[in-house]
């Protein structure tokens, strides 16, 4: 009897992470949900279980290497890791940006991804057919004004994915990068603007249909369920209304 493949999803308490967990569970994975907000991931695990799928919750801060290493001891074999934890803080120009914001974005987006990937790579390799997903952003590929710190962090994630793919070629582990453009979720822009809902709303003002979390989750689900010999190196996904980071069609 074939064992149910296990998928770890970081940052699974809301938005793209939560939607990805639901998608993977429905696709037949036993999902392990990680995030700092224990109550959120426990509620999501219960929801997924009640829907007839398999899910467990594990409170984890991906920037805490000791905690990540302890978490990794639970896995001898792992099919899939989705590095989703991250986020943006502020929209200040480089000249006046807060170094603390830059540091926090680098720690969560880059070092957090590094921590979890390093800790779980042996189990992914041991599976004989592992997949690592790094959720970056179109900010990983192109700069925009007011996004310096986030752009720098996401460029770091992008290079991490590229370098890892080069270094582990020949092993049974794929490295997939998914880079979403404008995605409207409950928390991303609100967190970026520190709870200022008016500023957050302006990000999406006049845009007919920005992506939602389920759109990105569906994209991830498609990429990871390709045949084992097929690697989606980089998948950029934007709403039709967005041609680039700085070119968005709005009807105001």
C-alpha atoms as a PDB file:
ATOM      1  CA  UNK A   1       0.000   0.000   0.000  1.00  0.00           C
ATOM      2  CA  UNK A   2       1.431   3.386  -1.030  1.00  0.00           C
ATOM      3  CA  UNK A   3       1.803   5.884   1.797  1.00  0.00           C
ATOM      4  CA  UNK A   4      -0.002   9.208   1.539  1.00  0.00           C
ATOM      5  CA  UNK A   5       2.491  11.870   0.396  1.00  0.00           C
ATOM      6  CA  UNK A   6       3.210  14.546   2.985  1.00  0.00           C
ATOM      7  CA  UNK A   7       3.329  18.251   2.166  1.00  0.00           C
ATOM      8  CA  UNK A   8       4.608  20.978   4.513  1.00  0.00           C
ATOM      9  CA  UNK A   9       3.203  24.456   3.933  1.00  0.00           C
ATOM     10  CA  UNK A  10       4.768  27.404   5.757  1.00  0.00           C
ATOM     11  CA  UNK A  11       2.807  30.570   6.467  1.00  0.00           C
ATOM     12  CA  UNK A  12      -0.399  28.538   6.301  1.00  0.00           C
ATOM     13  CA  UNK A  13      -2.460  30.658   8.695  1.00  0.00           C
ATOM     14  CA  UNK A  14      -4.053  32.834   5.999  1.00  0.00           C
ATOM     15  CA  UNK A  15      -4.050  33.929   2.373  1.00  0.00           C
ATOM     16  CA  UNK A  16      -2.064  31.955  -0.184  1.00  0.00           C
ATOM     17  CA  UNK A  17      -0.688  29.551   2.418  1.00  0.00           C
ATOM     18  CA  UNK A  18      -4.111  28.550   3.707  1.00  0.00           C
ATOM     19  CA  UNK A  19      -5.532  28.259   0.186  1.00  0.00           C
ATOM     20  CA  UNK A  20      -2.559  26.120  -0.880  1.00  0.00           C
ATOM     21  CA  UNK A  21      -3.071  23.804   2.079  1.00  0.00           C
ATOM     22  CA  UNK A  22      -6.706  23.263   1.072  1.00  0.00           C
ATOM     23  CA  UNK A  23      -5.731  22.647  -2.555  1.00  0.00           C
ATOM     24  CA  UNK A  24      -3.007  20.139  -1.701  1.00  0.00           C
ATOM     25  CA  UNK A  25      -5.229  18.296   0.773  1.00  0.00           C
ATOM     26  CA  UNK A  26      -7.898  17.928  -1.899  1.00  0.00           C
ATOM     27  CA  UNK A  27      -5.199  16.641  -4.270  1.00  0.00           C
ATOM     28  CA  UNK A  28      -4.384  13.799  -1.881  1.00  0.00           C
ATOM     29  CA  UNK A  29      -1.541  15.128   0.251  1.00  0.00           C
ATOM     30  CA  UNK A  30      -1.422  14.916   4.026  1.00  0.00           C
ATOM     31  CA  UNK A  31      -0.725  18.537   4.758  1.00  0.00           C
ATOM     32  CA  UNK A  32       1.324  19.815   7.683  1.00  0.00           C
ATOM     33  CA  UNK A  33       0.415  23.424   8.367  1.00  0.00           C
ATOM     34  CA  UNK A  34       2.985  25.717   9.941  1.00  0.00           C
ATOM     35  CA  UNK A  35       2.711  29.342  11.030  1.00  0.00           C
ATOM     36  CA  UNK A  36       3.212  31.409  14.161  1.00  0.00           C
ATOM     37  CA  UNK A  37      -0.521  31.756  14.816  1.00  0.00           C
ATOM     38  CA  UNK A  38      -1.353  28.394  16.348  1.00  0.00           C
ATOM     39  CA  UNK A  39      -5.087  29.054  16.640  1.00  0.00           C
ATOM     40  CA  UNK A  40      -5.397  29.824  12.923  1.00  0.00           C
ATOM     41  CA  UNK A  41      -3.621  26.710  11.685  1.00  0.00           C
ATOM     42  CA  UNK A  42      -5.412  24.473  14.188  1.00  0.00           C
ATOM     43  CA  UNK A  43      -8.756  25.788  12.919  1.00  0.00           C
ATOM     44  CA  UNK A  44      -7.664  25.198   9.317  1.00  0.00           C
ATOM     45  CA  UNK A  45      -6.450  21.685  10.111  1.00  0.00           C
ATOM     46  CA  UNK A  46      -9.837  20.938  11.675  1.00  0.00           C
ATOM     47  CA  UNK A  47     -11.630  22.324   8.599  1.00  0.00           C
ATOM     48  CA  UNK A  48      -9.547  20.186   6.231  1.00  0.00           C
ATOM     49  CA  UNK A  49     -10.042  17.089   8.380  1.00  0.00           C
ATOM     50  CA  UNK A  50     -13.799  17.640   8.521  1.00  0.00           C
ATOM     51  CA  UNK A  51     -13.779  17.795   4.719  1.00  0.00           C
ATOM     52  CA  UNK A  52     -12.416  14.248   4.679  1.00  0.00           C
ATOM     53  CA  UNK A  53      -8.739  15.014   4.107  1.00  0.00           C
ATOM     54  CA  UNK A  54      -5.612  14.773   6.293  1.00  0.00           C
ATOM     55  CA  UNK A  55      -4.045  17.740   8.046  1.00  0.00           C
ATOM     56  CA  UNK A  56      -2.049  18.562  11.155  1.00  0.00           C
ATOM     57  CA  UNK A  57      -0.960  21.896  12.617  1.00  0.00           C
ATOM     58  CA  UNK A  58       2.452  22.820  14.014  1.00  0.00           C
ATOM     59  CA  UNK A  59       3.161  26.288  15.405  1.00  0.00           C
ATOM     60  CA  UNK A  60       6.472  27.463  13.946  1.00  0.00           C
ATOM     61  CA  UNK A  61       8.456  30.642  13.390  1.00  0.00           C
ATOM     62  CA  UNK A  62      10.582  29.968  10.306  1.00  0.00           C
ATOM     63  CA  UNK A  63      13.187  32.505  11.453  1.00  0.00           C
ATOM     64  CA  UNK A  64      13.898  30.433  14.586  1.00  0.00           C
ATOM     65  CA  UNK A  65      16.480  27.917  13.364  1.00  0.00           C
ATOM     66  CA  UNK A  66      16.437  25.840  16.540  1.00  0.00           C
ATOM     67  CA  UNK A  67      12.664  25.441  16.318  1.00  0.00           C
ATOM     68  CA  UNK A  68      12.866  24.625  12.599  1.00  0.00           C
ATOM     69  CA  UNK A  69      15.496  21.946  13.190  1.00  0.00           C
ATOM     70  CA  UNK A  70      13.356  20.405  15.913  1.00  0.00           C
ATOM     71  CA  UNK A  71      10.334  20.422  13.596  1.00  0.00           C
ATOM     72  CA  UNK A  72      12.347  18.661  10.880  1.00  0.00           C
ATOM     73  CA  UNK A  73      13.114  15.690  13.121  1.00  0.00           C
ATOM     74  CA  UNK A  74       9.521  14.524  12.639  1.00  0.00           C
ATOM     75  CA  UNK A  75      10.160  13.665   8.972  1.00  0.00           C
ATOM     76  CA  UNK A  76      12.171  10.787   7.611  1.00  0.00           C
ATOM     77  CA  UNK A  77      10.607  11.240   4.180  1.00  0.00           C
ATOM     78  CA  UNK A  78       8.771  14.212   2.706  1.00  0.00           C
ATOM     79  CA  UNK A  79       7.149  14.686  -0.701  1.00  0.00           C
ATOM     80  CA  UNK A  80       6.638  18.428  -0.847  1.00  0.00           C
ATOM     81  CA  UNK A  81       7.710  21.654   0.836  1.00  0.00           C
ATOM     82  CA  UNK A  82       5.925  24.903   0.004  1.00  0.00           C
ATOM     83  CA  UNK A  83       7.952  27.879   1.252  1.00  0.00           C
ATOM     84  CA  UNK A  84       5.185  30.463   1.489  1.00  0.00           C
ATOM     85  CA  UNK A  85       5.998  32.317   4.722  1.00  0.00           C
ATOM     86  CA  UNK A  86       7.081  35.899   4.101  1.00  0.00           C
ATOM     87  CA  UNK A  87       5.546  39.282   3.416  1.00  0.00           C
ATOM     88  CA  UNK A  88       6.148  42.976   2.932  1.00  0.00           C
ATOM     89  CA  UNK A  89       6.571  45.886   5.351  1.00  0.00           C
ATOM     90  CA  UNK A  90       6.287  49.515   4.336  1.00  0.00           C
ATOM     91  CA  UNK A  91       6.466  51.288   0.981  1.00  0.00           C
ATOM     92  CA  UNK A  92       9.110  53.898   1.702  1.00  0.00           C
ATOM     93  CA  UNK A  93      11.799  54.919  -0.801  1.00  0.00           C
ATOM     94  CA  UNK A  94      15.310  53.603  -0.325  1.00  0.00           C
ATOM     95  CA  UNK A  95      16.477  56.991   0.957  1.00  0.00           C
ATOM     96  CA  UNK A  96      14.154  56.889   3.980  1.00  0.00           C
ATOM     97  CA  UNK A  97      13.294  53.219   4.419  1.00  0.00           C
ATOM     98  CA  UNK A  98      13.542  51.756   7.907  1.00  0.00           C
ATOM     99  CA  UNK A  99      16.472  49.312   8.115  1.00  0.00           C
ATOM    100  CA  UNK A 100      14.484  47.318  10.702  1.00  0.00           C
ATOM    101  CA  UNK A 101      11.773  46.703   8.096  1.00  0.00           C
ATOM    102  CA  UNK A 102      14.359  45.612   5.541  1.00  0.00           C
ATOM    103  CA  UNK A 103      15.957  43.286   8.079  1.00  0.00           C
ATOM    104  CA  UNK A 104      12.630  41.724   9.047  1.00  0.00           C
ATOM    105  CA  UNK A 105      11.650  41.175   5.409  1.00  0.00           C
ATOM    106  CA  UNK A 106      15.008  39.560   4.688  1.00  0.00           C
ATOM    107  CA  UNK A 107      14.744  37.345   7.757  1.00  0.00           C
ATOM    108  CA  UNK A 108      11.235  36.078   6.956  1.00  0.00           C
ATOM    109  CA  UNK A 109      11.442  35.826   3.169  1.00  0.00           C
ATOM    110  CA  UNK A 110      15.031  34.696   2.664  1.00  0.00           C
ATOM    111  CA  UNK A 111      16.460  33.300   5.897  1.00  0.00           C
ATOM    112  CA  UNK A 112      13.149  31.658   6.788  1.00  0.00           C
ATOM    113  CA  UNK A 113      13.064  29.922   3.412  1.00  0.00           C
ATOM    114  CA  UNK A 114      16.709  28.932   3.825  1.00  0.00           C
ATOM    115  CA  UNK A 115      16.118  27.539   7.319  1.00  0.00           C
ATOM    116  CA  UNK A 116      13.193  25.322   6.351  1.00  0.00           C
ATOM    117  CA  UNK A 117      14.720  24.199   3.062  1.00  0.00           C
ATOM    118  CA  UNK A 118      18.012  23.201   4.663  1.00  0.00           C
ATOM    119  CA  UNK A 119      16.299  21.393   7.526  1.00  0.00           C
ATOM    120  CA  UNK A 120      13.903  19.413   5.318  1.00  0.00           C
ATOM    121  CA  UNK A 121      16.110  18.751   2.284  1.00  0.00           C
ATOM    122  CA  UNK A 122      17.344  15.381   3.620  1.00  0.00           C
ATOM    123  CA  UNK A 123      13.753  14.139   4.036  1.00  0.00           C
ATOM    124  CA  UNK A 124      12.794  15.466   0.606  1.00  0.00           C
ATOM    125  CA  UNK A 125      15.757  13.641  -0.919  1.00  0.00           C
ATOM    126  CA  UNK A 126      14.996  10.459   1.026  1.00  0.00           C
ATOM    127  CA  UNK A 127      11.511  10.361  -0.500  1.00  0.00           C
ATOM    128  CA  UNK A 128      13.048   9.633  -3.894  1.00  0.00           C
ATOM    129  CA  UNK A 129      10.677  12.147  -5.472  1.00  0.00           C
ATOM    130  CA  UNK A 130      10.687  15.433  -3.584  1.00  0.00           C
ATOM    131  CA  UNK A 131       9.549  18.892  -4.619  1.00  0.00           C
ATOM    132  CA  UNK A 132      10.433  22.288  -3.174  1.00  0.00           C
ATOM    133  CA  UNK A 133       8.237  25.267  -4.015  1.00  0.00           C
ATOM    134  CA  UNK A 134       9.522  28.758  -3.338  1.00  0.00           C
ATOM    135  CA  UNK A 135       6.797  31.350  -3.485  1.00  0.00           C
ATOM    136  CA  UNK A 136       8.525  34.540  -4.532  1.00  0.00           C
ATOM    137  CA  UNK A 137       6.842  37.410  -6.372  1.00  0.00           C
ATOM    138  CA  UNK A 138       7.085  39.430  -9.554  1.00  0.00           C
ATOM    139  CA  UNK A 139       9.039  41.718  -7.200  1.00  0.00           C
ATOM    140  CA  UNK A 140      11.759  39.049  -7.433  1.00  0.00           C
ATOM    141  CA  UNK A 141      12.169  39.857 -11.111  1.00  0.00           C
ATOM    142  CA  UNK A 142      11.601  43.604 -11.451  1.00  0.00           C
ATOM    143  CA  UNK A 143      12.002  46.623  -9.184  1.00  0.00           C
ATOM    144  CA  UNK A 144       9.399  49.275  -8.486  1.00  0.00           C
ATOM    145  CA  UNK A 145       9.431  52.556  -6.580  1.00  0.00           C
ATOM    146  CA  UNK A 146       8.615  52.244  -2.897  1.00  0.00           C
ATOM    147  CA  UNK A 147       9.334  48.528  -2.900  1.00  0.00           C
ATOM    148  CA  UNK A 148      13.092  48.454  -2.335  1.00  0.00           C
ATOM    149  CA  UNK A 149      13.186  46.310   0.782  1.00  0.00           C
ATOM    150  CA  UNK A 150      10.593  43.823  -0.428  1.00  0.00           C
ATOM    151  CA  UNK A 151      12.133  43.709  -3.902  1.00  0.00           C
ATOM    152  CA  UNK A 152      15.555  43.027  -2.405  1.00  0.00           C
ATOM    153  CA  UNK A 153      14.205  40.218  -0.227  1.00  0.00           C
ATOM    154  CA  UNK A 154      12.269  38.592  -3.054  1.00  0.00           C
ATOM    155  CA  UNK A 155      15.284  38.851  -5.361  1.00  0.00           C
ATOM    156  CA  UNK A 156      17.133  36.961  -2.634  1.00  0.00           C
ATOM    157  CA  UNK A 157      14.518  34.203  -2.675  1.00  0.00           C
ATOM    158  CA  UNK A 158      14.662  34.033  -6.466  1.00  0.00           C
ATOM    159  CA  UNK A 159      18.434  33.594  -6.449  1.00  0.00           C
ATOM    160  CA  UNK A 160      18.157  31.039  -3.662  1.00  0.00           C
ATOM    161  CA  UNK A 161      15.835  28.971  -5.865  1.00  0.00           C
ATOM    162  CA  UNK A 162      18.077  29.295  -8.921  1.00  0.00           C
ATOM    163  CA  UNK A 163      21.226  28.391  -7.024  1.00  0.00           C
ATOM    164  CA  UNK A 164      19.662  25.453  -5.203  1.00  0.00           C
ATOM    165  CA  UNK A 165      18.399  24.024  -8.495  1.00  0.00           C
ATOM    166  CA  UNK A 166      21.936  24.141  -9.893  1.00  0.00           C
ATOM    167  CA  UNK A 167      23.458  22.579  -6.797  1.00  0.00           C
ATOM    168  CA  UNK A 168      21.080  19.624  -6.399  1.00  0.00           C
ATOM    169  CA  UNK A 169      20.595  18.706 -10.052  1.00  0.00           C
ATOM    170  CA  UNK A 170      20.893  14.936 -10.347  1.00  0.00           C
ATOM    171  CA  UNK A 171      19.095  14.353  -7.051  1.00  0.00           C
ATOM    172  CA  UNK A 172      15.404  13.331  -6.943  1.00  0.00           C
ATOM    173  CA  UNK A 173      14.243  16.804  -5.863  1.00  0.00           C
ATOM    174  CA  UNK A 174      12.635  19.480  -8.053  1.00  0.00           C
ATOM    175  CA  UNK A 175      12.843  23.195  -7.299  1.00  0.00           C
ATOM    176  CA  UNK A 176       9.846  25.217  -8.487  1.00  0.00           C
ATOM    177  CA  UNK A 177       9.496  28.974  -8.153  1.00  0.00           C
ATOM    178  CA  UNK A 178       6.049  30.561  -8.394  1.00  0.00           C
ATOM    179  CA  UNK A 179       6.072  34.353  -8.735  1.00  0.00           C
ATOM    180  CA  UNK A 180       2.645  35.975  -8.340  1.00  0.00           C
ATOM    181  CA  UNK A 181       1.861  39.541  -9.299  1.00  0.00           C
ATOM    182  CA  UNK A 182      -1.044  41.465  -7.796  1.00  0.00           C
ATOM    183  CA  UNK A 183      -2.902  39.199  -5.367  1.00  0.00           C
ATOM    184  CA  UNK A 184      -5.695  40.543  -3.192  1.00  0.00           C
ATOM    185  CA  UNK A 185      -5.801  38.733   0.143  1.00  0.00           C
ATOM    186  CA  UNK A 186      -7.184  39.669   3.547  1.00  0.00           C
ATOM    187  CA  UNK A 187      -3.828  40.545   5.065  1.00  0.00           C
ATOM    188  CA  UNK A 188      -0.933  41.206   2.661  1.00  0.00           C
ATOM    189  CA  UNK A 189      -1.465  44.918   1.940  1.00  0.00           C
ATOM    190  CA  UNK A 190      -2.946  45.600   5.372  1.00  0.00           C
ATOM    191  CA  UNK A 191       0.155  44.141   7.020  1.00  0.00           C
ATOM    192  CA  UNK A 192       2.398  46.089   4.659  1.00  0.00           C
ATOM    193  CA  UNK A 193       0.738  49.346   5.699  1.00  0.00           C
ATOM    194  CA  UNK A 194       0.574  48.370   9.382  1.00  0.00           C
ATOM    195  CA  UNK A 195      -3.196  48.091   9.613  1.00  0.00           C
ATOM    196  CA  UNK A 196      -4.040  51.128   7.493  1.00  0.00           C
ATOM    197  CA  UNK A 197      -6.991  49.669   5.570  1.00  0.00           C
ATOM    198  CA  UNK A 198      -7.441  52.829   3.490  1.00  0.00           C
ATOM    199  CA  UNK A 199      -3.907  52.604   2.101  1.00  0.00           C
ATOM    200  CA  UNK A 200      -4.310  48.883   1.586  1.00  0.00           C
ATOM    201  CA  UNK A 201      -7.507  49.368  -0.408  1.00  0.00           C
ATOM    202  CA  UNK A 202      -5.786  51.835  -2.755  1.00  0.00           C
ATOM    203  CA  UNK A 203      -3.429  49.089  -3.942  1.00  0.00           C
ATOM    204  CA  UNK A 204      -6.355  47.358  -5.641  1.00  0.00           C
ATOM    205  CA  UNK A 205      -8.513  50.402  -6.428  1.00  0.00           C
ATOM    206  CA  UNK A 206     -10.121  50.209  -9.846  1.00  0.00           C
ATOM    207  CA  UNK A 207      -8.589  46.844 -10.729  1.00  0.00           C
ATOM    208  CA  UNK A 208     -11.353  44.712 -12.190  1.00  0.00           C
ATOM    209  CA  UNK A 209     -10.087  41.365 -10.946  1.00  0.00           C
ATOM    210  CA  UNK A 210      -6.787  41.031  -9.112  1.00  0.00           C
ATOM    211  CA  UNK A 211      -5.671  37.489  -8.402  1.00  0.00           C
ATOM    212  CA  UNK A 212      -6.952  35.874  -5.229  1.00  0.00           C
ATOM    213  CA  UNK A 213      -5.308  33.325  -2.957  1.00  0.00           C
ATOM    214  CA  UNK A 214      -7.139  30.447  -4.617  1.00  0.00           C
ATOM    215  CA  UNK A 215      -5.767  31.426  -8.044  1.00  0.00           C
ATOM    216  CA  UNK A 216      -2.210  31.133  -6.780  1.00  0.00           C
ATOM    217  CA  UNK A 217      -2.963  27.929  -4.863  1.00  0.00           C
ATOM    218  CA  UNK A 218      -4.393  26.407  -8.030  1.00  0.00           C
ATOM    219  CA  UNK A 219      -1.201  27.353  -9.875  1.00  0.00           C
ATOM    220  CA  UNK A 220       0.948  25.734  -7.188  1.00  0.00           C
ATOM    221  CA  UNK A 221      -1.238  22.624  -7.209  1.00  0.00           C
ATOM    222  CA  UNK A 222      -0.824  22.312 -10.982  1.00  0.00           C
ATOM    223  CA  UNK A 223       2.954  22.771 -10.886  1.00  0.00           C
ATOM    224  CA  UNK A 224       3.602  20.185  -8.168  1.00  0.00           C
ATOM    225  CA  UNK A 225       1.374  17.528  -9.744  1.00  0.00           C
ATOM    226  CA  UNK A 226       3.239  17.450 -13.061  1.00  0.00           C
ATOM    227  CA  UNK A 227       5.056  14.157 -13.775  1.00  0.00           C
ATOM    228  CA  UNK A 228       8.238  13.789 -11.735  1.00  0.00           C
ATOM    229  CA  UNK A 229      10.541  14.460 -14.689  1.00  0.00           C
ATOM    230  CA  UNK A 230       8.823  17.794 -15.418  1.00  0.00           C
ATOM    231  CA  UNK A 231      10.228  20.795 -13.518  1.00  0.00           C
ATOM    232  CA  UNK A 232       8.471  24.155 -13.710  1.00  0.00           C
ATOM    233  CA  UNK A 233      11.542  26.294 -13.039  1.00  0.00           C
ATOM    234  CA  UNK A 234       9.693  29.623 -12.849  1.00  0.00           C
ATOM    235  CA  UNK A 235       6.003  30.355 -13.243  1.00  0.00           C
ATOM    236  CA  UNK A 236       4.908  34.006 -13.305  1.00  0.00           C
ATOM    237  CA  UNK A 237       1.204  34.537 -12.712  1.00  0.00           C
ATOM    238  CA  UNK A 238      -0.525  37.917 -12.897  1.00  0.00           C
ATOM    239  CA  UNK A 239      -4.094  39.136 -13.311  1.00  0.00           C
ATOM    240  CA  UNK A 240      -5.037  40.111 -16.852  1.00  0.00           C
ATOM    241  CA  UNK A 241      -5.224  43.752 -15.730  1.00  0.00           C
ATOM    242  CA  UNK A 242      -1.543  43.813 -14.748  1.00  0.00           C
ATOM    243  CA  UNK A 243       1.084  43.952 -17.490  1.00  0.00           C
ATOM    244  CA  UNK A 244       4.004  44.619 -15.141  1.00  0.00           C
ATOM    245  CA  UNK A 245       4.720  45.734 -11.591  1.00  0.00           C
ATOM    246  CA  UNK A 246       4.154  49.330 -12.664  1.00  0.00           C
ATOM    247  CA  UNK A 247       1.560  48.948 -15.442  1.00  0.00           C
ATOM    248  CA  UNK A 248      -1.927  48.142 -14.128  1.00  0.00           C
ATOM    249  CA  UNK A 249      -5.228  48.872 -15.838  1.00  0.00           C
ATOM    250  CA  UNK A 250      -7.599  50.644 -13.468  1.00  0.00           C
ATOM    251  CA  UNK A 251     -11.112  51.943 -14.002  1.00  0.00           C
ATOM    252  CA  UNK A 252     -11.557  54.783 -11.504  1.00  0.00           C
END
